[in-house]
Amino acid sequence: MASTRFVSTLLVFFLLLSASAARVPLATANEAYMQLFRRKLGFNRVEFELYKRRSMKVGSDRVAPGGPDPQHHHIAPISP
């Protein structure tokens, strides 16, 4: 009787273990869904990555022609 209970417990344990291993992780499923969604909208992944890289570079070379404006954050005096 104890061996039957032990075997059935092992069987349930291994069934639960195999079921959890067969599930697709949520992050992976969500990423696959987003890739399919982007493809349906006409986005090309390679072009999108290039666009992201270019947009990160835009702000690095910019300088003000006359230098920083000393009055930029200046609070105007309140006139009575």
N, C-alpha and C. Protein backbone atom coordinates (compact mmCIF):
# COMPACT_ATOMS: atom_id res chain seq x y z
N MET A 1 0.81 -1.19 0.00
CA MET A 1 0.00 0.00 0.00
C MET A 1 0.86 1.26 0.00
N ALA A 2 1.95 1.22 0.77
CA ALA A 2 2.84 2.37 0.81
C ALA A 2 3.56 2.55 -0.52
N SER A 3 3.89 1.43 -1.16
CA SER A 3 4.58 1.55 -2.44
C SER A 3 3.65 2.12 -3.52
N THR A 4 2.38 1.76 -3.48
CA THR A 4 1.42 2.31 -4.44
C THR A 4 1.27 3.82 -4.24
N ARG A 5 1.21 4.23 -3.00
CA ARG A 5 1.10 5.66 -2.70
C ARG A 5 2.37 6.40 -3.14
N PHE A 6 3.51 5.79 -2.91
CA PHE A 6 4.79 6.40 -3.30
C PHE A 6 4.88 6.54 -4.82
N VAL A 7 4.50 5.50 -5.54
CA VAL A 7 4.55 5.52 -7.01
C VAL A 7 3.58 6.57 -7.55
N SER A 8 2.39 6.64 -6.98
CA SER A 8 1.42 7.63 -7.47
C SER A 8 1.90 9.05 -7.16
N THR A 9 2.56 9.25 -6.02
CA THR A 9 3.11 10.57 -5.69
C THR A 9 4.21 10.94 -6.67
N LEU A 10 5.08 9.99 -6.98
CA LEU A 10 6.13 10.24 -7.96
C LEU A 10 5.54 10.56 -9.34
N LEU A 11 4.52 9.83 -9.71
CA LEU A 11 3.88 10.06 -11.00
C LEU A 11 3.30 11.47 -11.09
N VAL A 12 2.60 11.90 -10.05
CA VAL A 12 2.04 13.25 -10.03
C VAL A 12 3.15 14.29 -10.06
N PHE A 13 4.21 14.05 -9.29
CA PHE A 13 5.33 14.99 -9.26
C PHE A 13 5.96 15.14 -10.64
N PHE A 14 6.22 14.05 -11.31
CA PHE A 14 6.84 14.11 -12.63
C PHE A 14 5.90 14.70 -13.69
N LEU A 15 4.61 14.46 -13.56
CA LEU A 15 3.66 15.09 -14.48
C LEU A 15 3.66 16.61 -14.31
N LEU A 16 3.68 17.07 -13.06
CA LEU A 16 3.74 18.51 -12.82
C LEU A 16 5.05 19.10 -13.31
N LEU A 17 6.13 18.38 -13.10
CA LEU A 17 7.44 18.86 -13.54
C LEU A 17 7.50 18.96 -15.06
N SER A 18 6.99 17.97 -15.75
CA SER A 18 7.03 18.01 -17.22
C SER A 18 6.09 19.07 -17.77
N ALA A 19 4.97 19.32 -17.11
CA ALA A 19 4.05 20.36 -17.57
C ALA A 19 4.67 21.74 -17.42
N SER A 20 5.40 21.98 -16.35
CA SER A 20 6.01 23.29 -16.16
C SER A 20 7.17 23.50 -17.13
N ALA A 21 7.85 22.43 -17.52
CA ALA A 21 8.95 22.55 -18.47
C ALA A 21 8.44 22.76 -19.89
N ALA A 22 7.22 22.34 -20.17
CA ALA A 22 6.68 22.46 -21.51
C ALA A 22 6.11 23.85 -21.80
N ARG A 23 5.86 24.64 -20.77
CA ARG A 23 5.29 25.97 -20.97
C ARG A 23 6.32 26.91 -21.57
N VAL A 24 5.85 27.80 -22.44
CA VAL A 24 6.71 28.83 -23.01
C VAL A 24 6.76 29.97 -22.01
N PRO A 25 7.94 30.43 -21.64
CA PRO A 25 8.00 31.55 -20.71
C PRO A 25 7.28 32.77 -21.27
N LEU A 26 6.68 33.55 -20.39
CA LEU A 26 5.86 34.68 -20.80
C LEU A 26 6.67 35.69 -21.61
N ALA A 27 7.90 35.97 -21.20
CA ALA A 27 8.71 36.96 -21.92
C ALA A 27 8.99 36.49 -23.35
N THR A 28 9.26 35.22 -23.53
CA THR A 28 9.52 34.69 -24.86
C THR A 28 8.27 34.74 -25.73
N ALA A 29 7.14 34.38 -25.17
CA ALA A 29 5.88 34.41 -25.92
C ALA A 29 5.53 35.85 -26.28
N ASN A 30 5.72 36.78 -25.36
CA ASN A 30 5.41 38.18 -25.63
C ASN A 30 6.32 38.74 -26.72
N GLU A 31 7.61 38.40 -26.69
CA GLU A 31 8.54 38.87 -27.71
C GLU A 31 8.16 38.31 -29.08
N ALA A 32 7.78 37.05 -29.14
CA ALA A 32 7.37 36.45 -30.42
C ALA A 32 6.11 37.14 -30.94
N TYR A 33 5.18 37.44 -30.06
CA TYR A 33 3.96 38.15 -30.46
C TYR A 33 4.29 39.54 -30.99
N MET A 34 5.19 40.25 -30.33
CA MET A 34 5.56 41.60 -30.76
C MET A 34 6.28 41.56 -32.11
N GLN A 35 7.11 40.56 -32.35
CA GLN A 35 7.78 40.44 -33.64
C GLN A 35 6.76 40.21 -34.75
N LEU A 36 5.78 39.35 -34.50
CA LEU A 36 4.73 39.10 -35.48
C LEU A 36 3.91 40.37 -35.73
N PHE A 37 3.60 41.10 -34.67
CA PHE A 37 2.83 42.34 -34.78
C PHE A 37 3.60 43.38 -35.60
N ARG A 38 4.90 43.53 -35.33
CA ARG A 38 5.72 44.49 -36.09
C ARG A 38 5.81 44.09 -37.56
N ARG A 39 5.94 42.79 -37.82
CA ARG A 39 6.04 42.33 -39.20
C ARG A 39 4.75 42.62 -39.95
N LYS A 40 3.60 42.45 -39.29
CA LYS A 40 2.32 42.74 -39.93
C LYS A 40 2.17 44.23 -40.22
N LEU A 41 2.75 45.07 -39.36
CA LEU A 41 2.69 46.51 -39.59
C LEU A 41 3.69 46.98 -40.63
N GLY A 42 4.62 46.12 -41.02
CA GLY A 42 5.57 46.47 -42.06
C GLY A 42 6.91 46.93 -41.55
N PHE A 43 7.19 46.73 -40.27
CA PHE A 43 8.49 47.12 -39.73
C PHE A 43 9.54 46.08 -40.08
N ASN A 44 10.69 46.56 -40.48
CA ASN A 44 11.82 45.68 -40.74
C ASN A 44 12.74 45.78 -39.53
N ARG A 45 13.06 44.66 -38.93
CA ARG A 45 13.85 44.65 -37.69
C ARG A 45 15.23 45.26 -37.89
N VAL A 46 15.89 44.97 -39.00
CA VAL A 46 17.23 45.49 -39.26
C VAL A 46 17.18 47.01 -39.38
N GLU A 47 16.21 47.51 -40.14
CA GLU A 47 16.08 48.96 -40.30
C GLU A 47 15.74 49.63 -38.97
N PHE A 48 14.93 48.96 -38.16
CA PHE A 48 14.56 49.51 -36.86
C PHE A 48 15.78 49.61 -35.95
N GLU A 49 16.64 48.59 -35.96
CA GLU A 49 17.86 48.64 -35.15
C GLU A 49 18.79 49.76 -35.62
N LEU A 50 18.91 49.94 -36.94
CA LEU A 50 19.73 51.03 -37.46
C LEU A 50 19.17 52.38 -37.04
N TYR A 51 17.86 52.52 -37.09
CA TYR A 51 17.22 53.76 -36.67
C TYR A 51 17.50 54.05 -35.19
N LYS A 52 17.42 53.01 -34.36
CA LYS A 52 17.68 53.20 -32.93
C LYS A 52 19.12 53.65 -32.70
N ARG A 53 20.07 53.05 -33.42
CA ARG A 53 21.48 53.44 -33.26
C ARG A 53 21.70 54.88 -33.71
N ARG A 54 21.10 55.25 -34.84
CA ARG A 54 21.26 56.62 -35.34
C ARG A 54 20.64 57.62 -34.38
N SER A 55 19.50 57.30 -33.82
CA SER A 55 18.85 58.25 -32.92
C SER A 55 19.63 58.42 -31.63
N MET A 56 20.40 57.42 -31.22
CA MET A 56 21.22 57.55 -30.02
C MET A 56 22.41 58.47 -30.26
N LYS A 57 22.90 58.56 -31.50
CA LYS A 57 24.07 59.37 -31.81
C LYS A 57 23.73 60.85 -32.01
N VAL A 58 22.49 61.18 -32.28
CA VAL A 58 22.11 62.53 -32.68
C VAL A 58 22.53 63.58 -31.66
N GLY A 59 22.30 63.37 -30.41
CA GLY A 59 22.54 64.40 -29.40
C GLY A 59 23.99 64.57 -29.01
N SER A 60 24.90 63.72 -29.42
CA SER A 60 26.27 63.77 -28.92
C SER A 60 27.12 64.87 -29.56
N ASP A 61 26.84 65.28 -30.79
CA ASP A 61 27.69 66.25 -31.49
C ASP A 61 27.14 67.68 -31.43
N ARG A 62 26.01 67.89 -30.84
CA ARG A 62 25.38 69.20 -30.88
C ARG A 62 26.01 70.16 -29.89
N VAL A 63 26.29 71.37 -30.35
CA VAL A 63 26.81 72.44 -29.49
C VAL A 63 26.08 73.73 -29.84
N ALA A 64 25.99 74.62 -28.87
CA ALA A 64 25.36 75.92 -29.12
C ALA A 64 26.35 76.80 -29.87
N PRO A 65 25.93 77.54 -30.90
CA PRO A 65 26.86 78.35 -31.69
C PRO A 65 27.57 79.43 -30.88
N GLY A 66 26.91 80.04 -29.92
CA GLY A 66 27.53 81.10 -29.14
C GLY A 66 27.94 80.63 -27.76
N GLY A 67 27.93 79.36 -27.52
CA GLY A 67 28.24 78.84 -26.19
C GLY A 67 26.98 78.78 -25.34
N PRO A 68 27.11 78.35 -24.11
CA PRO A 68 25.93 78.25 -23.26
C PRO A 68 25.38 79.65 -22.92
N ASP A 69 24.10 79.74 -22.82
CA ASP A 69 23.43 81.01 -22.52
C ASP A 69 23.41 81.22 -21.00
N PRO A 70 24.10 82.24 -20.48
CA PRO A 70 24.13 82.44 -19.03
C PRO A 70 22.77 82.85 -18.46
N GLN A 71 21.88 83.37 -19.27
CA GLN A 71 20.57 83.81 -18.79
C GLN A 71 19.49 82.73 -18.95
N HIS A 72 19.89 81.55 -19.36
CA HIS A 72 18.91 80.50 -19.67
C HIS A 72 18.05 80.14 -18.47
N HIS A 73 18.64 79.93 -17.33
CA HIS A 73 17.89 79.55 -16.13
C HIS A 73 17.73 80.73 -15.18
N HIS A 74 17.97 81.91 -15.64
CA HIS A 74 17.89 83.10 -14.80
C HIS A 74 16.43 83.43 -14.50
N ILE A 75 16.15 83.71 -13.25
CA ILE A 75 14.80 84.09 -12.84
C ILE A 75 14.70 85.61 -12.94
N ALA A 76 13.73 86.08 -13.68
CA ALA A 76 13.56 87.52 -13.86
C ALA A 76 13.12 88.16 -12.55
N PRO A 77 13.67 89.32 -12.23
CA PRO A 77 13.26 89.99 -10.98
C PRO A 77 11.81 90.46 -11.07
N ILE A 78 11.13 90.39 -9.96
CA ILE A 78 9.73 90.81 -9.91
C ILE A 78 9.69 92.32 -9.73
N SER A 79 9.04 93.00 -10.65
CA SER A 79 8.96 94.46 -10.55
C SER A 79 7.75 94.85 -9.69
N PRO A 80 7.95 95.87 -8.81
CA PRO A 80 6.84 96.26 -7.91
C PRO A 80 5.72 96.98 -8.59
